[in-house]
Amino acid sequence: MRIGVALPTDHTQLSREANSVDTLIGQVQELADAGLSAAWFTQRFDHDAITVAALAAREVPGIDVGTAVVPIYPRHPIALSMQAQTAQAASHGRFTLGVGLSTKSFVEQTYGLAPHSRVRHLREHLEALRSLLETGTVDFNGETLVAKTSLPASVPGARPRVPVLVAAAGEQALRAAGELADGALPILSGPRTLAEYTVPTLTGHAEAAGRPAPRVAVIVSGVVTADVEGARARAEQNMAPYKNLPAYRAALDREGIDNPVDLVAIGDEELLAAQVAAYFEAGATELIYTQTAIGSPEDERRTWKLLGELAARA
């Protein structure tokens, strides 16, 4: 079982560090020591996730690295390909690029951009990016973007080709992930939704497009803690914005739950182990754990240790 953790797990604590990059790389070493398969980096407004992933891979041999996720706005496919291939070469083939869409309101308010059709832009971005990663060149004229290289765009040593995963919950994003990428990063998809909807939809689109079996790297949340009430309150605060976003709301409705915090495993080792087993039985090929810091620092290390032990049992 491939199990990783998304970093940073505690943005408040990270902001107080003297050097946040050093801190993150230290945490990657802890994950590797615990037996976890991968360290994934989230993109916010501070450090650059792809750069930190590349540095971490150089400093911590053996562990895979990736982004979960880098928004495609406002990044152009050529610029994103440069970064991703550089990270792949730096990691000697241990990097995965996870990308995703942002909400229309977020893009407008943050970057002053009026997004085109979000699905159309995602598909065109993936088409151009795929050409760059596979051939080192692109000549693309779309409705939402233009991408043309006048010089070679391959990075020597960036092999194997950088795998691309797409953050997805709804039909159109899953279709893009199946047809144009290497798999998906399902978000807020419980085990029932994963088994009955996400995996069949993603796999069906990949098969129809003649693509290999897709990776299903599910983003899940959980922590081993005795402070169940406190951890749940913190998780609920973290997840409140997702409750009414249409794609995520649909995923929650498919699972039959109202509050996204009900997807978080908060409790003892047996509870977290049962969650891990349920997701793999539902069709996940790997898990990416988030919110492992909603308990105490000791709880977080205890959680990482358990996840590493579960991965080693497979």
Protein backbone atom coordinates (compact mmCIF):
# COMPACT_ATOMS: atom_id res chain seq x y z
CA MET A 1 0.00 0.00 0.00
CA ARG A 2 1.42 3.35 -1.06
CA ILE A 3 0.71 5.96 1.61
CA GLY A 4 2.03 9.52 1.71
CA VAL A 5 1.42 12.72 3.66
CA ALA A 6 0.69 16.21 2.34
CA LEU A 7 2.95 18.95 3.71
CA PRO A 8 2.82 21.38 5.36
CA THR A 9 0.39 19.89 7.85
CA ASP A 10 0.36 22.99 10.09
CA HIS A 11 0.65 26.30 8.25
CA THR A 12 0.46 28.32 11.48
CA GLN A 13 3.45 26.55 12.97
CA LEU A 14 5.38 26.72 9.68
CA SER A 15 4.99 30.51 9.56
CA ARG A 16 6.85 30.79 12.88
CA GLU A 17 9.88 28.82 11.72
CA ALA A 18 13.17 30.57 11.01
CA ASN A 19 13.45 28.76 7.67
CA SER A 20 10.29 27.04 6.46
CA VAL A 21 12.06 25.16 3.65
CA ASP A 22 14.49 23.57 6.11
CA THR A 23 11.54 22.63 8.31
CA LEU A 24 9.65 21.00 5.45
CA ILE A 25 12.68 19.00 4.34
CA GLY A 26 13.16 17.86 7.93
CA GLN A 27 9.56 16.65 7.95
CA VAL A 28 10.14 14.73 4.73
CA GLN A 29 13.01 12.94 6.45
CA GLU A 30 10.65 12.07 9.31
CA LEU A 31 8.12 10.66 6.84
CA ALA A 32 10.81 8.54 5.20
CA ASP A 33 12.01 7.30 8.60
CA ALA A 34 8.41 6.33 9.44
CA GLY A 35 8.24 4.16 6.31
CA LEU A 36 5.90 6.36 4.28
CA SER A 37 6.08 6.19 0.50
CA ALA A 38 5.76 9.84 -0.49
CA ALA A 39 5.74 13.46 0.59
CA TRP A 40 3.27 15.70 -1.22
CA PHE A 41 3.35 19.49 -1.15
CA THR A 42 0.38 21.83 -1.24
CA GLN A 43 0.63 25.15 -3.07
CA ARG A 44 -0.44 28.26 -1.18
CA PHE A 45 0.90 31.82 -1.26
CA ASP A 46 4.23 31.24 0.45
CA HIS A 47 6.81 28.64 -0.65
CA ASP A 48 6.74 27.15 -4.16
CA ALA A 49 5.56 23.55 -3.91
CA ILE A 50 7.45 22.19 -6.94
CA THR A 51 10.73 23.77 -5.85
CA VAL A 52 10.44 22.37 -2.32
CA ALA A 53 9.56 18.94 -3.72
CA ALA A 54 12.71 18.97 -5.87
CA LEU A 55 14.89 20.05 -2.94
CA ALA A 56 13.35 17.46 -0.64
CA ALA A 57 13.99 14.68 -3.13
CA ARG A 58 17.66 15.66 -3.34
CA GLU A 59 18.02 15.77 0.45
CA VAL A 60 16.02 12.63 1.26
CA PRO A 61 16.88 9.74 -1.08
CA GLY A 62 14.30 7.04 -1.65
CA ILE A 63 11.07 8.84 -0.88
CA ASP A 64 8.81 9.94 -3.73
CA VAL A 65 7.67 13.56 -3.93
CA GLY A 66 4.80 15.35 -5.62
CA THR A 67 2.39 18.26 -5.55
CA ALA A 68 -1.15 17.95 -4.28
CA VAL A 69 -1.92 20.29 -5.81
CA VAL A 70 -0.59 23.15 -7.95
CA PRO A 71 -3.43 25.24 -9.46
CA ILE A 72 -3.15 25.73 -13.22
CA TYR A 73 -4.13 29.39 -12.82
CA PRO A 74 -2.14 31.54 -13.43
CA ARG A 75 0.53 29.09 -14.68
CA HIS A 76 1.16 28.63 -18.39
CA PRO A 77 1.83 25.03 -19.53
CA ILE A 78 5.30 25.90 -20.82
CA ALA A 79 6.35 27.42 -17.49
CA LEU A 80 4.81 24.53 -15.57
CA SER A 81 6.60 22.01 -17.78
CA MET A 82 9.93 23.72 -17.10
CA GLN A 83 9.41 23.43 -13.36
CA ALA A 84 8.09 19.88 -13.44
CA GLN A 85 10.85 18.52 -15.65
CA THR A 86 13.49 20.22 -13.53
CA ALA A 87 12.00 18.60 -10.42
CA GLN A 88 11.96 15.21 -12.17
CA ALA A 89 15.62 15.51 -13.11
CA ALA A 90 16.55 16.69 -9.61
CA SER A 91 14.68 13.78 -8.03
CA HIS A 92 15.98 11.19 -10.52
CA GLY A 93 12.47 10.16 -11.50
CA ARG A 94 10.62 10.40 -8.17
CA PHE A 95 8.38 13.42 -8.88
CA THR A 96 4.64 13.50 -9.66
CA LEU A 97 2.89 16.68 -10.76
CA GLY A 98 -0.56 17.07 -9.26
CA VAL A 99 -2.58 19.93 -10.73
CA GLY A 100 -6.05 21.30 -10.21
CA LEU A 101 -8.54 24.03 -10.98
CA SER A 102 -9.38 26.91 -8.70
CA THR A 103 -12.85 28.33 -8.23
CA LYS A 104 -13.87 31.10 -10.61
CA SER A 105 -14.30 33.62 -7.79
CA PHE A 106 -10.86 32.81 -6.36
CA VAL A 107 -9.12 33.32 -9.71
CA GLU A 108 -10.91 36.61 -10.31
CA GLN A 109 -10.29 38.00 -6.84
CA THR A 110 -6.70 36.81 -6.53
CA TYR A 111 -5.23 37.32 -10.00
CA GLY A 112 -7.65 39.73 -11.63
CA LEU A 113 -8.32 37.18 -14.36
CA ALA A 114 -11.70 36.38 -15.85
CA PRO A 115 -11.46 32.60 -16.36
CA HIS A 116 -12.63 30.98 -19.56
CA SER A 117 -14.71 27.85 -19.37
CA ARG A 118 -12.93 26.05 -16.55
CA VAL A 119 -13.27 22.57 -18.04
CA ARG A 120 -12.18 23.74 -21.49
CA HIS A 121 -9.14 25.46 -20.00
CA LEU A 122 -8.23 22.38 -17.96
CA ARG A 123 -8.38 20.16 -21.03
CA GLU A 124 -6.36 22.54 -23.19
CA HIS A 125 -3.79 23.03 -20.44
CA LEU A 126 -3.39 19.26 -20.08
CA GLU A 127 -3.10 18.77 -23.86
CA ALA A 128 -0.33 21.34 -24.15
CA LEU A 129 1.42 20.09 -21.01
CA ARG A 130 1.27 16.48 -22.18
CA SER A 131 2.89 17.40 -25.50
CA LEU A 132 5.69 19.23 -23.69
CA LEU A 133 6.38 16.39 -21.27
CA GLU A 134 6.23 13.66 -23.90
CA THR A 135 7.96 15.31 -26.86
CA GLY A 136 9.75 18.38 -25.51
CA THR A 137 7.82 20.63 -27.87
CA VAL A 138 4.34 22.07 -28.30
CA ASP A 139 2.40 23.82 -31.06
CA PHE A 140 -1.06 24.37 -29.64
CA ASN A 141 -3.78 26.87 -30.55
CA GLY A 142 -6.83 26.54 -28.35
CA GLU A 143 -9.82 28.54 -27.31
CA THR A 144 -8.34 29.47 -23.93
CA LEU A 145 -4.57 29.36 -24.47
CA VAL A 146 -1.77 29.32 -27.02
CA ALA A 147 1.45 27.38 -26.41
CA LYS A 148 4.30 27.26 -28.93
CA THR A 149 7.97 26.45 -28.40
CA SER A 150 10.61 27.86 -30.74
CA LEU A 151 13.44 25.98 -28.98
CA PRO A 152 13.65 22.44 -27.49
CA ALA A 153 11.85 22.22 -24.14
CA SER A 154 13.10 18.87 -22.83
CA VAL A 155 15.23 18.69 -19.68
CA PRO A 156 17.96 16.01 -19.93
CA GLY A 157 17.56 13.59 -17.05
CA ALA A 158 13.84 14.22 -16.60
CA ARG A 159 12.97 10.55 -17.00
CA PRO A 160 10.69 8.77 -16.80
CA ARG A 161 8.24 11.27 -18.22
CA VAL A 162 6.67 13.35 -15.44
CA PRO A 163 3.34 11.74 -14.44
CA VAL A 164 0.43 14.17 -14.14
CA LEU A 165 -2.53 13.70 -11.82
CA VAL A 166 -5.62 15.92 -11.73
CA ALA A 167 -7.53 16.92 -8.61
CA ALA A 168 -11.03 15.73 -9.37
CA ALA A 169 -14.40 15.11 -7.80
CA GLY A 170 -16.94 15.65 -10.60
CA GLU A 171 -17.58 14.04 -13.97
CA GLN A 172 -15.80 16.55 -16.21
CA ALA A 173 -12.61 16.70 -14.17
CA LEU A 174 -12.53 12.90 -13.93
CA ARG A 175 -12.98 12.67 -17.68
CA ALA A 176 -10.06 15.05 -18.27
CA ALA A 177 -7.94 13.07 -15.82
CA GLY A 178 -8.77 9.78 -17.51
CA GLU A 179 -8.31 10.95 -21.09
CA LEU A 180 -5.42 13.41 -20.80
CA ALA A 181 -3.48 12.60 -17.62
CA ASP A 182 -2.12 9.65 -15.67
CA GLY A 183 -4.83 9.56 -13.06
CA ALA A 184 -6.68 11.57 -10.47
CA LEU A 185 -6.41 13.01 -7.02
CA PRO A 186 -9.98 12.49 -5.76
CA ILE A 187 -11.01 15.05 -3.16
CA LEU A 188 -13.78 14.54 -0.59
CA SER A 189 -14.62 11.17 -2.10
CA GLY A 190 -15.57 8.62 0.53
CA PRO A 191 -15.10 4.86 0.06
CA ARG A 192 -18.60 4.32 -1.33
CA THR A 193 -18.27 7.20 -3.78
CA LEU A 194 -14.82 5.97 -4.77
CA ALA A 195 -16.00 2.43 -5.48
CA GLU A 196 -19.33 3.21 -7.12
CA TYR A 197 -18.54 6.42 -9.01
CA THR A 198 -15.00 7.81 -8.97
CA VAL A 199 -12.99 4.73 -9.95
CA PRO A 200 -15.45 3.41 -12.58
CA THR A 201 -15.82 6.88 -14.15
CA LEU A 202 -12.08 7.56 -14.23
CA THR A 203 -11.19 4.08 -15.48
CA GLY A 204 -13.90 4.12 -18.12
CA HIS A 205 -12.65 7.36 -19.63
CA ALA A 206 -9.04 6.15 -19.58
CA GLU A 207 -9.95 2.89 -21.30
CA ALA A 208 -12.03 4.66 -23.94
CA ALA A 209 -9.09 6.94 -24.71
CA GLY A 210 -6.66 4.02 -24.94
CA ARG A 211 -4.78 5.15 -21.85
CA PRO A 212 -3.16 2.86 -19.25
CA ALA A 213 -4.96 2.06 -16.01
CA PRO A 214 -5.05 5.35 -14.09
CA ARG A 215 -3.52 6.09 -10.72
CA VAL A 216 -6.09 6.88 -8.04
CA ALA A 217 -4.26 8.87 -5.36
CA VAL A 218 -7.02 9.70 -2.90
CA ILE A 219 -6.68 12.71 -0.64
CA VAL A 220 -7.96 11.67 2.81
CA SER A 221 -7.78 13.05 6.34
CA GLY A 222 -7.15 11.41 9.67
CA VAL A 223 -5.25 11.50 12.94
CA VAL A 224 -4.64 9.17 15.88
CA THR A 225 -5.59 11.14 18.99
CA ALA A 226 -7.37 10.93 22.32
CA ASP A 227 -8.63 14.50 21.88
CA VAL A 228 -11.40 13.55 19.48
CA GLU A 229 -13.59 16.56 20.22
CA GLY A 230 -10.82 19.14 19.81
CA ALA A 231 -9.42 17.55 16.65
CA ARG A 232 -12.88 17.35 15.11
CA ALA A 233 -13.51 21.03 15.80
CA ARG A 234 -10.25 21.97 14.09
CA ALA A 235 -10.99 19.71 11.12
CA GLU A 236 -14.48 21.16 10.77
CA GLN A 237 -13.06 24.68 10.67
CA ASN A 238 -10.51 23.66 8.02
CA MET A 239 -13.11 21.98 5.81
CA ALA A 240 -15.99 24.44 6.14
CA PRO A 241 -15.29 26.20 2.78
CA TYR A 242 -15.76 22.94 0.86
CA LYS A 243 -19.22 22.18 2.16
CA ASN A 244 -21.14 24.20 -0.43
CA LEU A 245 -18.83 24.20 -3.46
CA PRO A 246 -20.84 22.38 -6.18
CA ALA A 247 -18.36 19.64 -7.17
CA TYR A 248 -17.53 18.80 -3.56
CA ARG A 249 -21.16 19.06 -2.48
CA ALA A 250 -22.05 16.50 -5.13
CA ALA A 251 -19.32 14.16 -3.86
CA LEU A 252 -20.60 14.47 -0.30
CA ASP A 253 -24.15 13.81 -1.43
CA ARG A 254 -23.05 10.65 -3.25
CA GLU A 255 -21.46 9.44 -0.04
CA GLY A 256 -24.62 10.26 1.88
CA ILE A 257 -23.08 12.74 4.30
CA ASP A 258 -23.77 16.40 4.96
CA ASN A 259 -20.64 17.56 6.76
CA PRO A 260 -17.22 16.91 5.16
CA VAL A 261 -15.69 16.41 8.61
CA ASP A 262 -17.52 13.08 8.74
CA LEU A 263 -14.94 11.79 6.23
CA VAL A 264 -12.10 12.42 8.69
CA ALA A 265 -10.89 9.49 10.83
CA ILE A 266 -10.29 10.88 14.32
CA GLY A 267 -9.61 8.41 17.10
CA ASP A 268 -7.47 5.37 17.87
CA GLU A 269 -5.18 3.26 15.71
CA GLU A 270 -7.93 0.79 14.85
CA LEU A 271 -10.12 3.55 13.43
CA LEU A 272 -7.39 4.91 11.19
CA ALA A 273 -6.37 1.42 10.06
CA ALA A 274 -9.99 0.69 9.14
CA GLN A 275 -10.14 3.90 7.09
CA VAL A 276 -6.97 2.95 5.20
CA ALA A 277 -8.33 -0.53 4.46
CA ALA A 278 -11.69 0.84 3.30
CA TYR A 279 -10.13 3.18 0.76
CA PHE A 280 -7.83 0.57 -0.73
CA GLU A 281 -10.69 -1.90 -0.94
CA ALA A 282 -12.71 0.78 -2.76
CA GLY A 283 -10.08 1.07 -5.50
CA ALA A 284 -7.47 3.59 -4.33
CA THR A 285 -3.98 2.89 -5.66
CA GLU A 286 -2.44 5.21 -3.08
CA LEU A 287 -3.47 7.52 -0.24
CA ILE A 288 -2.36 11.06 0.57
CA TYR A 289 -3.05 11.98 4.19
CA THR A 290 -3.90 15.55 5.15
CA GLN A 291 -4.82 17.21 8.45
CA THR A 292 -2.51 15.00 10.48
CA ALA A 293 -1.75 18.09 12.62
CA ILE A 294 -5.28 18.61 13.97
CA GLY A 295 -4.20 16.84 17.17
CA SER A 296 -1.00 17.47 19.11
CA PRO A 297 2.53 17.20 17.65
CA GLU A 298 2.83 13.85 19.44
CA ASP A 299 -0.43 12.71 17.84
CA GLU A 300 0.92 13.64 14.42
CA ARG A 301 4.11 11.58 14.83
CA ARG A 302 2.03 8.70 16.17
CA THR A 303 -0.17 8.94 13.07
CA TRP A 304 2.80 8.95 10.70
CA LYS A 305 4.28 5.94 12.47
CA LEU A 306 1.04 3.98 12.15
CA LEU A 307 0.63 4.87 8.46
CA GLY A 308 4.18 3.72 7.80
CA GLU A 309 3.50 0.43 9.59
CA LEU A 310 0.30 -0.11 7.60
CA ALA A 311 2.13 0.53 4.34
CA ALA A 312 4.83 -1.96 5.28
CA ARG A 313 2.33 -4.73 5.99
CA ALA A 314 1.12 -4.92 2.39
